[in-house]
Amino acid sequence: MIHLNDTGLCLRKAQAAFGVSSVNIANGLDVKPQQVARWRHNPNLKLHTVLLLCAHLNITLSEFLLYDR
């Protein structure tokens, strides 16, 4: 069985684990906080977006995807 990750959930849990606010991510990625809010509630983010988030959080893609479990 293939497990599809909920990337929005991964983002929310990673933020909680690292104590990183949406405003911090928005500032670091030069986007509006509203965009980060949309990402947090989107279960299917683009790979490019996920990789940017991983870079900002200083974690690997594999580590990021573990946060939906």
N, C-alpha and C. Protein backbone atom coordinates (compact mmCIF):
# COMPACT_ATOMS: atom_id res chain seq x y z
N MET A 1 0.84 -1.18 0.00
CA MET A 1 0.00 0.00 0.00
C MET A 1 0.88 1.25 0.00
N ILE A 2 0.53 2.19 -0.82
CA ILE A 2 1.29 3.44 -0.91
C ILE A 2 0.70 4.45 0.07
N HIS A 3 1.58 5.07 0.84
CA HIS A 3 1.15 6.11 1.77
C HIS A 3 1.43 7.47 1.14
N LEU A 4 0.40 8.27 0.96
CA LEU A 4 0.57 9.62 0.44
C LEU A 4 0.63 10.59 1.61
N ASN A 5 1.67 11.36 1.64
CA ASN A 5 1.87 12.29 2.74
C ASN A 5 0.97 13.51 2.60
N ASP A 6 0.44 13.99 3.71
CA ASP A 6 -0.29 15.25 3.79
C ASP A 6 0.76 16.32 4.09
N THR A 7 1.21 17.02 3.06
CA THR A 7 2.31 17.96 3.23
C THR A 7 1.93 19.16 4.10
N GLY A 8 0.68 19.55 4.08
CA GLY A 8 0.25 20.63 4.96
C GLY A 8 0.36 20.24 6.43
N LEU A 9 -0.02 19.00 6.73
CA LEU A 9 0.11 18.48 8.08
C LEU A 9 1.59 18.38 8.46
N CYS A 10 2.41 17.94 7.53
CA CYS A 10 3.86 17.88 7.78
C CYS A 10 4.38 19.26 8.15
N LEU A 11 3.95 20.27 7.42
CA LEU A 11 4.39 21.64 7.70
C LEU A 11 3.95 22.07 9.08
N ARG A 12 2.69 21.85 9.42
CA ARG A 12 2.18 22.27 10.73
C ARG A 12 2.96 21.60 11.86
N LYS A 13 3.20 20.29 11.73
CA LYS A 13 3.91 19.57 12.79
C LYS A 13 5.39 19.96 12.85
N ALA A 14 6.00 20.20 11.70
CA ALA A 14 7.40 20.64 11.69
C ALA A 14 7.52 22.01 12.34
N GLN A 15 6.58 22.90 12.05
CA GLN A 15 6.60 24.22 12.68
C GLN A 15 6.51 24.09 14.19
N ALA A 16 5.62 23.23 14.65
CA ALA A 16 5.46 23.04 16.09
C ALA A 16 6.73 22.44 16.71
N ALA A 17 7.31 21.47 16.03
CA ALA A 17 8.51 20.81 16.54
C ALA A 17 9.70 21.76 16.66
N PHE A 18 9.81 22.67 15.69
CA PHE A 18 10.95 23.58 15.67
C PHE A 18 10.63 24.96 16.24
N GLY A 19 9.37 25.20 16.60
CA GLY A 19 8.98 26.49 17.15
C GLY A 19 9.13 27.62 16.14
N VAL A 20 8.80 27.33 14.88
CA VAL A 20 8.94 28.31 13.80
C VAL A 20 7.55 28.82 13.41
N SER A 21 7.37 30.12 13.45
CA SER A 21 6.08 30.71 13.12
C SER A 21 5.89 30.82 11.61
N SER A 22 4.65 30.98 11.23
CA SER A 22 4.34 31.20 9.81
C SER A 22 4.94 32.50 9.31
N VAL A 23 4.98 33.51 10.18
CA VAL A 23 5.58 34.79 9.80
C VAL A 23 7.08 34.61 9.55
N ASN A 24 7.74 33.81 10.37
CA ASN A 24 9.16 33.53 10.17
C ASN A 24 9.39 32.85 8.83
N ILE A 25 8.57 31.86 8.51
CA ILE A 25 8.70 31.18 7.22
C ILE A 25 8.43 32.15 6.08
N ALA A 26 7.37 32.93 6.21
CA ALA A 26 7.02 33.90 5.16
C ALA A 26 8.17 34.87 4.90
N ASN A 27 8.75 35.39 5.97
CA ASN A 27 9.88 36.32 5.81
C ASN A 27 11.08 35.63 5.18
N GLY A 28 11.35 34.40 5.60
CA GLY A 28 12.50 33.67 5.08
C GLY A 28 12.36 33.28 3.62
N LEU A 29 11.13 33.06 3.18
CA LEU A 29 10.89 32.64 1.79
C LEU A 29 10.36 33.78 0.92
N ASP A 30 10.28 34.98 1.50
CA ASP A 30 9.83 36.17 0.79
C ASP A 30 8.44 35.97 0.18
N VAL A 31 7.52 35.48 1.02
CA VAL A 31 6.12 35.36 0.64
C VAL A 31 5.28 36.00 1.74
N LYS A 32 4.02 36.18 1.48
CA LYS A 32 3.11 36.74 2.48
C LYS A 32 2.73 35.66 3.49
N PRO A 33 2.48 36.03 4.74
CA PRO A 33 2.03 35.05 5.73
C PRO A 33 0.76 34.30 5.30
N GLN A 34 -0.09 34.97 4.51
CA GLN A 34 -1.30 34.32 4.02
C GLN A 34 -0.97 33.13 3.13
N GLN A 35 0.14 33.21 2.39
CA GLN A 35 0.56 32.10 1.54
C GLN A 35 0.96 30.91 2.41
N VAL A 36 1.68 31.18 3.49
CA VAL A 36 2.08 30.10 4.39
C VAL A 36 0.83 29.46 5.01
N ALA A 37 -0.16 30.27 5.35
CA ALA A 37 -1.42 29.74 5.89
C ALA A 37 -2.09 28.81 4.87
N ARG A 38 -2.05 29.17 3.61
CA ARG A 38 -2.62 28.29 2.56
C ARG A 38 -1.83 26.99 2.48
N TRP A 39 -0.51 27.08 2.55
CA TRP A 39 0.32 25.87 2.51
C TRP A 39 0.00 24.96 3.68
N ARG A 40 -0.21 25.53 4.86
CA ARG A 40 -0.46 24.75 6.07
C ARG A 40 -1.73 23.90 5.95
N HIS A 41 -2.65 24.33 5.12
CA HIS A 41 -3.94 23.63 5.00
C HIS A 41 -4.10 22.93 3.66
N ASN A 42 -3.02 22.83 2.90
CA ASN A 42 -3.06 22.15 1.60
C ASN A 42 -2.38 20.79 1.75
N PRO A 43 -3.12 19.70 1.54
CA PRO A 43 -2.51 18.38 1.72
C PRO A 43 -1.56 17.97 0.60
N ASN A 44 -1.49 18.76 -0.47
CA ASN A 44 -0.72 18.36 -1.64
C ASN A 44 0.09 19.53 -2.19
N LEU A 45 1.18 19.88 -1.49
CA LEU A 45 2.03 20.98 -1.94
C LEU A 45 2.93 20.53 -3.09
N LYS A 46 3.33 21.48 -3.91
CA LYS A 46 4.28 21.19 -4.98
C LYS A 46 5.64 20.83 -4.37
N LEU A 47 6.35 19.96 -5.04
CA LEU A 47 7.66 19.53 -4.57
C LEU A 47 8.59 20.72 -4.37
N HIS A 48 8.56 21.66 -5.29
CA HIS A 48 9.41 22.85 -5.19
C HIS A 48 9.14 23.58 -3.87
N THR A 49 7.89 23.73 -3.51
CA THR A 49 7.52 24.40 -2.27
C THR A 49 8.02 23.63 -1.06
N VAL A 50 7.83 22.31 -1.08
CA VAL A 50 8.27 21.47 0.03
C VAL A 50 9.79 21.57 0.19
N LEU A 51 10.51 21.57 -0.91
CA LEU A 51 11.97 21.68 -0.83
C LEU A 51 12.41 23.02 -0.27
N LEU A 52 11.70 24.09 -0.61
CA LEU A 52 12.00 25.40 -0.02
C LEU A 52 11.76 25.39 1.48
N LEU A 53 10.65 24.77 1.88
CA LEU A 53 10.34 24.68 3.31
C LEU A 53 11.41 23.86 4.04
N CYS A 54 11.82 22.76 3.44
CA CYS A 54 12.87 21.93 4.05
C CYS A 54 14.16 22.73 4.22
N ALA A 55 14.53 23.47 3.21
CA ALA A 55 15.74 24.28 3.29
C ALA A 55 15.62 25.31 4.41
N HIS A 56 14.45 25.94 4.50
CA HIS A 56 14.25 26.95 5.54
C HIS A 56 14.31 26.32 6.94
N LEU A 57 13.76 25.12 7.08
CA LEU A 57 13.75 24.44 8.37
C LEU A 57 15.05 23.67 8.64
N ASN A 58 15.90 23.62 7.62
CA ASN A 58 17.18 22.91 7.70
C ASN A 58 16.99 21.42 8.01
N ILE A 59 16.05 20.80 7.29
CA ILE A 59 15.80 19.37 7.41
C ILE A 59 15.73 18.76 6.01
N THR A 60 15.86 17.45 5.95
CA THR A 60 15.78 16.76 4.66
C THR A 60 14.31 16.54 4.28
N LEU A 61 14.11 16.23 3.03
CA LEU A 61 12.76 15.91 2.55
C LEU A 61 12.21 14.71 3.32
N SER A 62 13.03 13.70 3.54
CA SER A 62 12.60 12.51 4.27
C SER A 62 12.17 12.86 5.70
N GLU A 63 12.94 13.71 6.35
CA GLU A 63 12.58 14.14 7.70
C GLU A 63 11.25 14.90 7.70
N PHE A 64 11.07 15.78 6.73
CA PHE A 64 9.84 16.57 6.62
C PHE A 64 8.64 15.65 6.47
N LEU A 65 8.76 14.67 5.60
CA LEU A 65 7.62 13.79 5.30
C LEU A 65 7.26 12.87 6.46
N LEU A 66 8.16 12.68 7.39
CA LEU A 66 7.85 11.86 8.56
C LEU A 66 6.88 12.56 9.52
N TYR A 67 6.72 13.86 9.38
CA TYR A 67 5.86 14.61 10.31
C TYR A 67 4.38 14.36 10.14
N ASP A 68 3.95 13.63 9.11
CA ASP A 68 2.51 13.36 9.00
C ASP A 68 2.12 12.05 9.68
N ARG A 69 3.05 11.44 10.36
CA ARG A 69 2.75 10.16 11.05
C ARG A 69 2.51 10.39 12.53
